[in-house]
Amino acid sequence: MHNPQYLKTATAVHVGRFDPAVSLTEDLPQGVDADILLLGCGDVRDILYTVFVERGLPERELDFTVCDVDEFVIGTMELHLRIRMSLIP
């Protein structure tokens, strides 16, 4: 008797999230340096939004460290950030 064979489907690619970007420094006092560790974040929206919100506020140093299980996600994030930084005059 024949058994049904199932093809192994590819894993879903999550292009983005459905929740809005958040400022990662909203709970820190103004002017205090921030060392931020992002675990499994998946995209750069929170980083870009945090940097955008910081414009016009007292200067502080922002240090982002990103960790993810999939090296493809980290490579994609780095590519996005490098392209955006190259567009800044």
N, C-alpha and C. Protein backbone atom coordinates (compact mmCIF):
# COMPACT_ATOMS: atom_id res chain seq x y z
N MET A 1 0.83 -1.17 0.00
CA MET A 1 0.00 0.00 0.00
C MET A 1 0.88 1.24 0.00
N HIS A 2 0.47 2.22 -0.74
CA HIS A 2 1.25 3.45 -0.86
C HIS A 2 0.91 4.42 0.26
N ASN A 3 1.93 5.03 0.78
CA ASN A 3 1.75 6.07 1.79
C ASN A 3 1.86 7.44 1.12
N PRO A 4 1.07 8.40 1.55
CA PRO A 4 1.18 9.73 0.95
C PRO A 4 2.53 10.37 1.30
N GLN A 5 3.10 11.02 0.34
CA GLN A 5 4.37 11.71 0.53
C GLN A 5 4.10 13.21 0.61
N TYR A 6 4.72 13.86 1.53
CA TYR A 6 4.55 15.30 1.70
C TYR A 6 5.87 15.99 1.40
N LEU A 7 5.78 17.05 0.67
CA LEU A 7 6.97 17.85 0.40
C LEU A 7 7.27 18.73 1.59
N LYS A 8 8.51 18.85 1.89
CA LYS A 8 8.91 19.72 2.99
C LYS A 8 8.84 21.16 2.48
N THR A 9 7.99 21.94 3.08
CA THR A 9 7.81 23.31 2.63
C THR A 9 8.88 24.20 3.24
N ALA A 10 9.17 25.26 2.56
CA ALA A 10 10.15 26.22 3.05
C ALA A 10 9.56 26.98 4.23
N THR A 11 10.42 27.46 5.09
CA THR A 11 9.94 28.23 6.23
C THR A 11 9.47 29.60 5.75
N ALA A 12 8.55 30.16 6.45
CA ALA A 12 8.00 31.46 6.07
C ALA A 12 9.04 32.56 6.33
N VAL A 13 9.10 33.50 5.44
CA VAL A 13 9.98 34.64 5.60
C VAL A 13 9.16 35.78 6.18
N HIS A 14 9.57 36.27 7.33
CA HIS A 14 8.86 37.36 7.97
C HIS A 14 9.52 38.67 7.54
N VAL A 15 8.86 39.40 6.67
CA VAL A 15 9.42 40.63 6.14
C VAL A 15 9.41 41.73 7.18
N GLY A 16 8.41 41.77 7.99
CA GLY A 16 8.34 42.80 9.02
C GLY A 16 7.36 42.41 10.10
N ARG A 17 7.15 43.33 10.99
CA ARG A 17 6.20 43.09 12.06
C ARG A 17 4.97 43.94 11.82
N PHE A 18 3.94 43.66 12.57
CA PHE A 18 2.71 44.41 12.43
C PHE A 18 2.53 45.44 13.54
N ASP A 19 3.42 45.46 14.51
CA ASP A 19 3.34 46.46 15.57
C ASP A 19 4.19 47.67 15.20
N PRO A 20 3.87 48.84 15.72
CA PRO A 20 4.61 50.05 15.36
C PRO A 20 6.01 50.06 15.99
N ALA A 21 6.88 50.84 15.39
CA ALA A 21 8.23 51.00 15.93
C ALA A 21 8.17 51.77 17.24
N VAL A 22 9.07 51.45 18.15
CA VAL A 22 9.11 52.11 19.45
C VAL A 22 10.47 52.74 19.67
N SER A 23 10.49 53.78 20.48
CA SER A 23 11.75 54.40 20.87
C SER A 23 12.38 53.57 21.98
N LEU A 24 13.59 53.14 21.77
CA LEU A 24 14.26 52.28 22.73
C LEU A 24 14.84 53.06 23.91
N THR A 25 14.83 54.38 23.83
CA THR A 25 15.40 55.22 24.88
C THR A 25 14.34 56.07 25.58
N GLU A 26 13.07 55.76 25.40
CA GLU A 26 12.02 56.61 25.96
C GLU A 26 11.99 56.59 27.49
N ASP A 27 12.51 55.54 28.11
CA ASP A 27 12.51 55.46 29.58
C ASP A 27 13.82 55.92 30.20
N LEU A 28 14.76 56.39 29.39
CA LEU A 28 16.04 56.88 29.91
C LEU A 28 15.99 58.39 30.08
N PRO A 29 16.70 58.92 31.08
CA PRO A 29 16.76 60.38 31.23
C PRO A 29 17.50 61.01 30.04
N GLN A 30 17.19 62.26 29.77
CA GLN A 30 17.83 62.98 28.67
C GLN A 30 19.33 63.12 28.93
N GLY A 31 20.15 62.96 27.90
CA GLY A 31 21.58 63.18 27.99
C GLY A 31 22.38 62.02 28.54
N VAL A 32 21.75 60.92 28.96
CA VAL A 32 22.46 59.75 29.48
C VAL A 32 22.76 58.82 28.32
N ASP A 33 24.03 58.38 28.23
CA ASP A 33 24.41 57.45 27.15
C ASP A 33 23.63 56.15 27.27
N ALA A 34 23.38 55.51 26.12
CA ALA A 34 22.57 54.29 26.10
C ALA A 34 23.32 53.16 25.40
N ASP A 35 23.49 52.05 26.09
CA ASP A 35 24.00 50.81 25.51
C ASP A 35 22.80 49.88 25.38
N ILE A 36 22.38 49.59 24.14
CA ILE A 36 21.13 48.87 23.90
C ILE A 36 21.43 47.52 23.27
N LEU A 37 20.90 46.46 23.88
CA LEU A 37 21.04 45.10 23.38
C LEU A 37 19.69 44.65 22.83
N LEU A 38 19.66 44.29 21.54
CA LEU A 38 18.43 43.83 20.90
C LEU A 38 18.57 42.34 20.60
N LEU A 39 17.69 41.54 21.19
CA LEU A 39 17.73 40.10 21.00
C LEU A 39 16.58 39.67 20.11
N GLY A 40 16.90 39.10 18.96
CA GLY A 40 15.87 38.60 18.06
C GLY A 40 14.92 39.66 17.55
N CYS A 41 15.44 40.85 17.23
CA CYS A 41 14.54 41.94 16.84
C CYS A 41 14.01 41.78 15.43
N GLY A 42 14.78 41.27 14.50
CA GLY A 42 14.27 40.96 13.17
C GLY A 42 14.30 42.07 12.15
N ASP A 43 14.24 43.32 12.55
CA ASP A 43 14.31 44.41 11.59
C ASP A 43 14.90 45.65 12.26
N VAL A 44 15.13 46.69 11.46
CA VAL A 44 15.82 47.88 11.96
C VAL A 44 14.88 49.03 12.30
N ARG A 45 13.58 48.79 12.29
CA ARG A 45 12.65 49.90 12.51
C ARG A 45 12.83 50.56 13.87
N ASP A 46 13.03 49.77 14.91
CA ASP A 46 13.19 50.34 16.25
C ASP A 46 14.47 51.17 16.34
N ILE A 47 15.53 50.71 15.71
CA ILE A 47 16.80 51.45 15.71
C ILE A 47 16.63 52.78 14.97
N LEU A 48 16.06 52.72 13.78
CA LEU A 48 15.88 53.94 12.99
C LEU A 48 14.94 54.92 13.68
N TYR A 49 13.88 54.43 14.29
CA TYR A 49 12.94 55.31 14.98
C TYR A 49 13.60 55.95 16.20
N THR A 50 14.39 55.18 16.93
CA THR A 50 15.08 55.72 18.10
C THR A 50 16.03 56.85 17.70
N VAL A 51 16.79 56.63 16.64
CA VAL A 51 17.71 57.67 16.17
C VAL A 51 16.94 58.89 15.69
N PHE A 52 15.80 58.70 15.03
CA PHE A 52 14.97 59.80 14.55
C PHE A 52 14.42 60.62 15.71
N VAL A 53 13.93 59.95 16.74
CA VAL A 53 13.34 60.64 17.89
C VAL A 53 14.40 61.43 18.67
N GLU A 54 15.64 60.97 18.64
CA GLU A 54 16.71 61.62 19.39
C GLU A 54 17.15 62.95 18.79
N ARG A 55 16.75 63.24 17.56
CA ARG A 55 17.14 64.51 16.94
C ARG A 55 16.52 65.66 17.71
N GLY A 56 17.31 66.69 17.98
CA GLY A 56 16.82 67.86 18.68
C GLY A 56 16.87 67.75 20.20
N LEU A 57 17.21 66.59 20.73
CA LEU A 57 17.35 66.40 22.18
C LEU A 57 18.81 66.56 22.57
N PRO A 58 19.10 66.71 23.86
CA PRO A 58 20.52 66.77 24.27
C PRO A 58 21.27 65.54 23.75
N GLU A 59 22.52 65.79 23.31
CA GLU A 59 23.28 64.71 22.70
C GLU A 59 23.59 63.60 23.69
N ARG A 60 23.56 62.38 23.19
CA ARG A 60 23.96 61.20 23.95
C ARG A 60 24.54 60.19 22.97
N GLU A 61 25.34 59.29 23.48
CA GLU A 61 25.91 58.23 22.65
C GLU A 61 24.97 57.04 22.67
N LEU A 62 24.63 56.55 21.48
CA LEU A 62 23.78 55.37 21.34
C LEU A 62 24.64 54.23 20.82
N ASP A 63 24.68 53.13 21.55
CA ASP A 63 25.45 51.95 21.16
C ASP A 63 24.48 50.78 21.05
N PHE A 64 24.26 50.30 19.81
CA PHE A 64 23.33 49.21 19.57
C PHE A 64 24.10 47.92 19.35
N THR A 65 23.67 46.84 20.01
CA THR A 65 24.20 45.51 19.79
C THR A 65 23.02 44.62 19.41
N VAL A 66 23.13 43.93 18.27
CA VAL A 66 22.02 43.14 17.75
C VAL A 66 22.42 41.67 17.72
N CYS A 67 21.55 40.81 18.24
CA CYS A 67 21.75 39.36 18.20
C CYS A 67 20.52 38.70 17.60
N ASP A 68 20.73 37.70 16.77
CA ASP A 68 19.63 36.93 16.21
C ASP A 68 20.13 35.53 15.91
N VAL A 69 19.23 34.57 15.87
CA VAL A 69 19.60 33.18 15.58
C VAL A 69 20.02 33.03 14.13
N ASP A 70 19.35 33.74 13.24
CA ASP A 70 19.59 33.62 11.81
C ASP A 70 20.58 34.70 11.35
N GLU A 71 21.71 34.28 10.82
CA GLU A 71 22.71 35.27 10.36
C GLU A 71 22.21 36.06 9.15
N PHE A 72 21.23 35.54 8.42
CA PHE A 72 20.64 36.26 7.30
C PHE A 72 19.94 37.54 7.79
N VAL A 73 19.30 37.46 8.94
CA VAL A 73 18.61 38.62 9.51
C VAL A 73 19.61 39.70 9.89
N ILE A 74 20.70 39.32 10.50
CA ILE A 74 21.72 40.28 10.89
C ILE A 74 22.36 40.91 9.66
N GLY A 75 22.64 40.11 8.64
CA GLY A 75 23.19 40.64 7.40
C GLY A 75 22.25 41.61 6.72
N THR A 76 20.96 41.31 6.72
CA THR A 76 19.97 42.21 6.13
C THR A 76 19.91 43.51 6.89
N MET A 77 19.95 43.44 8.23
CA MET A 77 19.91 44.65 9.05
C MET A 77 21.15 45.51 8.79
N GLU A 78 22.30 44.88 8.71
CA GLU A 78 23.53 45.63 8.45
C GLU A 78 23.48 46.29 7.08
N LEU A 79 22.97 45.59 6.08
CA LEU A 79 22.85 46.16 4.75
C LEU A 79 21.93 47.37 4.75
N HIS A 80 20.78 47.26 5.41
CA HIS A 80 19.85 48.39 5.51
C HIS A 80 20.52 49.61 6.15
N LEU A 81 21.22 49.37 7.27
CA LEU A 81 21.85 50.49 7.97
C LEU A 81 22.98 51.10 7.15
N ARG A 82 23.77 50.27 6.47
CA ARG A 82 24.86 50.82 5.65
C ARG A 82 24.32 51.65 4.48
N ILE A 83 23.25 51.18 3.86
CA ILE A 83 22.66 51.94 2.76
C ILE A 83 22.11 53.27 3.26
N ARG A 84 21.42 53.24 4.40
CA ARG A 84 20.85 54.48 4.93
C ARG A 84 21.93 55.45 5.37
N MET A 85 23.02 54.93 5.96
CA MET A 85 24.10 55.82 6.38
C MET A 85 24.84 56.41 5.19
N SER A 86 24.88 55.70 4.07
CA SER A 86 25.56 56.24 2.89
C SER A 86 24.73 57.34 2.23
N LEU A 87 23.43 57.40 2.50
CA LEU A 87 22.57 58.44 1.92
C LEU A 87 22.60 59.73 2.70
N ILE A 88 23.16 59.71 3.91
CA ILE A 88 23.23 60.93 4.73
C ILE A 88 24.40 61.78 4.23
N PRO A 89 24.14 63.05 3.90
CA PRO A 89 25.23 63.90 3.37
C PRO A 89 26.23 64.27 4.44
